[in-house]
Amino acid sequence: MNIRHRITLLVAITFTALVSIGGYAIWQSRNSANEVRTVTEGVVPSAL
């Protein structure tokens, strides 16, 4: 395996890892927003 293949593989793995981490972060953010909405629904009027 020459240097070009190694660099290409490293870039592909890095891109895949970043996309995976970003997707997980978005998923966590949406879950947290739903939890906050659920918790505050009884305390704060939904008109806000």
PDB file of N, CA and C in Angstrom:
ATOM      1  N   MET A   1       0.860  -1.177   0.000  1.00  0.00           N
ATOM      2  CA  MET A   1       0.000   0.000   0.000  1.00  0.00           C
ATOM      3  C   MET A   1       0.907   1.241   0.000  1.00  0.00           C
ATOM      4  N   ASN A   2       0.750   2.060  -1.013  1.00  0.00           N
ATOM      5  CA  ASN A   2       1.620   3.237  -1.091  1.00  0.00           C
ATOM      6  C   ASN A   2       1.047   4.403  -0.289  1.00  0.00           C
ATOM      7  N   ILE A   3       1.791   5.477  -0.253  1.00  0.00           N
ATOM      8  CA  ILE A   3       1.434   6.620   0.593  1.00  0.00           C
ATOM      9  C   ILE A   3       0.118   7.263   0.155  1.00  0.00           C
ATOM     10  N   ARG A   4      -0.144   7.268  -1.145  1.00  0.00           N
ATOM     11  CA  ARG A   4      -1.386   7.870  -1.643  1.00  0.00           C
ATOM     12  C   ARG A   4      -2.601   7.108  -1.134  1.00  0.00           C
ATOM     13  N   HIS A   5      -2.520   5.792  -1.155  1.00  0.00           N
ATOM     14  CA  HIS A   5      -3.630   4.983  -0.660  1.00  0.00           C
ATOM     15  C   HIS A   5      -3.827   5.170   0.839  1.00  0.00           C
ATOM     16  N   ARG A   6      -2.732   5.261   1.568  1.00  0.00           N
ATOM     17  CA  ARG A   6      -2.840   5.456   3.016  1.00  0.00           C
ATOM     18  C   ARG A   6      -3.476   6.795   3.350  1.00  0.00           C
ATOM     19  N   ILE A   7      -3.070   7.843   2.647  1.00  0.00           N
ATOM     20  CA  ILE A   7      -3.644   9.168   2.893  1.00  0.00           C
ATOM     21  C   ILE A   7      -5.124   9.179   2.538  1.00  0.00           C
ATOM     22  N   THR A   8      -5.482   8.576   1.415  1.00  0.00           N
ATOM     23  CA  THR A   8      -6.883   8.506   0.999  1.00  0.00           C
ATOM     24  C   THR A   8      -7.715   7.747   2.033  1.00  0.00           C
ATOM     25  N   LEU A   9      -7.184   6.635   2.510  1.00  0.00           N
ATOM     26  CA  LEU A   9      -7.883   5.846   3.522  1.00  0.00           C
ATOM     27  C   LEU A   9      -8.039   6.639   4.816  1.00  0.00           C
ATOM     28  N   LEU A  10      -6.995   7.341   5.223  1.00  0.00           N
ATOM     29  CA  LEU A  10      -7.058   8.150   6.438  1.00  0.00           C
ATOM     30  C   LEU A  10      -8.099   9.258   6.314  1.00  0.00           C
ATOM     31  N   VAL A  11      -8.145   9.921   5.166  1.00  0.00           N
ATOM     32  CA  VAL A  11      -9.133  10.982   4.944  1.00  0.00           C
ATOM     33  C   VAL A  11     -10.543  10.399   4.966  1.00  0.00           C
ATOM     34  N   ALA A  12     -10.743   9.251   4.346  1.00  0.00           N
ATOM     35  CA  ALA A  12     -12.065   8.622   4.322  1.00  0.00           C
ATOM     36  C   ALA A  12     -12.512   8.220   5.722  1.00  0.00           C
ATOM     37  N   ILE A  13     -11.608   7.646   6.496  1.00  0.00           N
ATOM     38  CA  ILE A  13     -11.949   7.237   7.863  1.00  0.00           C
ATOM     39  C   ILE A  13     -12.257   8.459   8.720  1.00  0.00           C
ATOM     40  N   THR A  14     -11.459   9.521   8.562  1.00  0.00           N
ATOM     41  CA  THR A  14     -11.687  10.746   9.328  1.00  0.00           C
ATOM     42  C   THR A  14     -13.035  11.355   8.981  1.00  0.00           C
ATOM     43  N   PHE A  15     -13.360  11.416   7.696  1.00  0.00           N
ATOM     44  CA  PHE A  15     -14.644  11.968   7.262  1.00  0.00           C
ATOM     45  C   PHE A  15     -15.798  11.153   7.830  1.00  0.00           C
ATOM     46  N   THR A  16     -15.679   9.836   7.777  1.00  0.00           N
ATOM     47  CA  THR A  16     -16.723   8.962   8.313  1.00  0.00           C
ATOM     48  C   THR A  16     -16.905   9.174   9.815  1.00  0.00           C
ATOM     49  N   ALA A  17     -15.798   9.306  10.530  1.00  0.00           N
ATOM     50  CA  ALA A  17     -15.880   9.529  11.976  1.00  0.00           C
ATOM     51  C   ALA A  17     -16.547  10.864  12.287  1.00  0.00           C
ATOM     52  N   LEU A  18     -16.189  11.910  11.558  1.00  0.00           N
ATOM     53  CA  LEU A  18     -16.785  13.224  11.795  1.00  0.00           C
ATOM     54  C   LEU A  18     -18.280  13.223  11.502  1.00  0.00           C
ATOM     55  N   VAL A  19     -18.684  12.570  10.427  1.00  0.00           N
ATOM     56  CA  VAL A  19     -20.108  12.489  10.091  1.00  0.00           C
ATOM     57  C   VAL A  19     -20.858  11.701  11.165  1.00  0.00           C
ATOM     58  N   SER A  20     -20.258  10.628  11.652  1.00  0.00           N
ATOM     59  CA  SER A  20     -20.902   9.830  12.699  1.00  0.00           C
ATOM     60  C   SER A  20     -21.059  10.629  13.984  1.00  0.00           C
ATOM     61  N   ILE A  21     -20.012  11.328  14.387  1.00  0.00           N
ATOM     62  CA  ILE A  21     -20.072  12.134  15.608  1.00  0.00           C
ATOM     63  C   ILE A  21     -21.092  13.258  15.447  1.00  0.00           C
ATOM     64  N   GLY A  22     -21.126  13.892  14.287  1.00  0.00           N
ATOM     65  CA  GLY A  22     -22.097  14.957  14.032  1.00  0.00           C
ATOM     66  C   GLY A  22     -23.525  14.446  14.071  1.00  0.00           C
ATOM     67  N   GLY A  23     -23.759  13.295  13.484  1.00  0.00           N
ATOM     68  CA  GLY A  23     -25.095  12.700  13.511  1.00  0.00           C
ATOM     69  C   GLY A  23     -25.535  12.365  14.921  1.00  0.00           C
ATOM     70  N   TYR A  24     -24.624  11.824  15.711  1.00  0.00           N
ATOM     71  CA  TYR A  24     -24.943  11.509  17.106  1.00  0.00           C
ATOM     72  C   TYR A  24     -25.228  12.779  17.899  1.00  0.00           C
ATOM     73  N   ALA A  25     -24.472  13.838  17.645  1.00  0.00           N
ATOM     74  CA  ALA A  25     -24.685  15.110  18.350  1.00  0.00           C
ATOM     75  C   ALA A  25     -26.053  15.696  18.014  1.00  0.00           C
ATOM     76  N   ILE A  26     -26.440  15.636  16.747  1.00  0.00           N
ATOM     77  CA  ILE A  26     -27.760  16.132  16.347  1.00  0.00           C
ATOM     78  C   ILE A  26     -28.861  15.309  17.014  1.00  0.00           C
ATOM     79  N   TRP A  27     -28.686  14.006  17.040  1.00  0.00           N
ATOM     80  CA  TRP A  27     -29.672  13.122  17.666  1.00  0.00           C
ATOM     81  C   TRP A  27     -29.817  13.441  19.153  1.00  0.00           C
ATOM     82  N   GLN A  28     -28.688  13.609  19.850  1.00  0.00           N
ATOM     83  CA  GLN A  28     -28.715  13.956  21.267  1.00  0.00           C
ATOM     84  C   GLN A  28     -29.386  15.306  21.490  1.00  0.00           C
ATOM     85  N   SER A  29     -29.098  16.266  20.624  1.00  0.00           N
ATOM     86  CA  SER A  29     -29.675  17.600  20.755  1.00  0.00           C
ATOM     87  C   SER A  29     -31.192  17.551  20.624  1.00  0.00           C
ATOM     88  N   ARG A  30     -31.682  16.797  19.673  1.00  0.00           N
ATOM     89  CA  ARG A  30     -33.135  16.678  19.496  1.00  0.00           C
ATOM     90  C   ARG A  30     -33.785  15.987  20.684  1.00  0.00           C
ATOM     91  N   ASN A  31     -33.122  14.947  21.196  1.00  0.00           N
ATOM     92  CA  ASN A  31     -33.670  14.262  22.374  1.00  0.00           C
ATOM     93  C   ASN A  31     -33.711  15.191  23.575  1.00  0.00           C
ATOM     94  N   SER A  32     -32.667  15.966  23.766  1.00  0.00           N
ATOM     95  CA  SER A  32     -32.627  16.905  24.892  1.00  0.00           C
ATOM     96  C   SER A  32     -33.712  17.966  24.745  1.00  0.00           C
ATOM     97  N   ALA A  33     -33.909  18.463  23.538  1.00  0.00           N
ATOM     98  CA  ALA A  33     -34.954  19.468  23.312  1.00  0.00           C
ATOM     99  C   ALA A  33     -36.330  18.885  23.617  1.00  0.00           C
ATOM    100  N   ASN A  34     -36.552  17.647  23.234  1.00  0.00           N
ATOM    101  CA  ASN A  34     -37.835  17.009  23.540  1.00  0.00           C
ATOM    102  C   ASN A  34     -38.022  16.828  25.042  1.00  0.00           C
ATOM    103  N   GLU A  35     -36.956  16.457  25.743  1.00  0.00           N
ATOM    104  CA  GLU A  35     -37.052  16.296  27.192  1.00  0.00           C
ATOM    105  C   GLU A  35     -37.341  17.626  27.872  1.00  0.00           C
ATOM    106  N   VAL A  36     -36.672  18.680  27.442  1.00  0.00           N
ATOM    107  CA  VAL A  36     -36.907  20.005  28.021  1.00  0.00           C
ATOM    108  C   VAL A  36     -38.345  20.426  27.770  1.00  0.00           C
ATOM    109  N   ARG A  37     -38.842  20.192  26.579  1.00  0.00           N
ATOM    110  CA  ARG A  37     -40.221  20.541  26.251  1.00  0.00           C
ATOM    111  C   ARG A  37     -41.195  19.762  27.139  1.00  0.00           C
ATOM    112  N   THR A  38     -40.923  18.493  27.343  1.00  0.00           N
ATOM    113  CA  THR A  38     -41.792  17.662  28.171  1.00  0.00           C
ATOM    114  C   THR A  38     -41.783  18.126  29.624  1.00  0.00           C
ATOM    115  N   VAL A  39     -40.606  18.442  30.144  1.00  0.00           N
ATOM    116  CA  VAL A  39     -40.494  18.847  31.547  1.00  0.00           C
ATOM    117  C   VAL A  39     -41.140  20.205  31.773  1.00  0.00           C
ATOM    118  N   THR A  40     -40.942  21.136  30.850  1.00  0.00           N
ATOM    119  CA  THR A  40     -41.450  22.494  31.054  1.00  0.00           C
ATOM    120  C   THR A  40     -42.902  22.659  30.626  1.00  0.00           C
ATOM    121  N   GLU A  41     -43.494  21.657  30.028  1.00  0.00           N
ATOM    122  CA  GLU A  41     -44.874  21.769  29.546  1.00  0.00           C
ATOM    123  C   GLU A  41     -45.841  22.051  30.693  1.00  0.00           C
ATOM    124  N   GLY A  42     -45.636  21.410  31.839  1.00  0.00           N
ATOM    125  CA  GLY A  42     -46.533  21.615  32.963  1.00  0.00           C
ATOM    126  C   GLY A  42     -46.258  22.897  33.731  1.00  0.00           C
ATOM    127  N   VAL A  43     -45.064  23.441  33.600  1.00  0.00           N
ATOM    128  CA  VAL A  43     -44.675  24.615  34.380  1.00  0.00           C
ATOM    129  C   VAL A  43     -44.899  25.892  33.594  1.00  0.00           C
ATOM    130  N   VAL A  44     -44.460  25.890  32.351  1.00  0.00           N
ATOM    131  CA  VAL A  44     -44.558  27.075  31.498  1.00  0.00           C
ATOM    132  C   VAL A  44     -45.691  26.843  30.509  1.00  0.00           C
ATOM    133  N   PRO A  45     -46.565  27.792  30.309  1.00  0.00           N
ATOM    134  CA  PRO A  45     -47.649  27.607  29.338  1.00  0.00           C
ATOM    135  C   PRO A  45     -47.109  27.335  27.935  1.00  0.00           C
ATOM    136  N   SER A  46     -47.824  26.527  27.195  1.00  0.00           N
ATOM    137  CA  SER A  46     -47.357  26.157  25.862  1.00  0.00           C
ATOM    138  C   SER A  46     -47.490  27.301  24.865  1.00  0.00           C
ATOM    139  N   ALA A  47     -48.120  28.406  25.264  1.00  0.00           N
ATOM    140  CA  ALA A  47     -48.241  29.558  24.368  1.00  0.00           C
ATOM    141  C   ALA A  47     -46.883  30.185  24.080  1.00  0.00           C
ATOM    142  N   LEU A  48     -45.905  29.950  24.973  1.00  0.00           N
ATOM    143  CA  LEU A  48     -44.568  30.473  24.734  1.00  0.00           C
ATOM    144  C   LEU A  48     -43.951  29.688  23.618  1.00  0.00           C
TER     145      LEU A  48
END
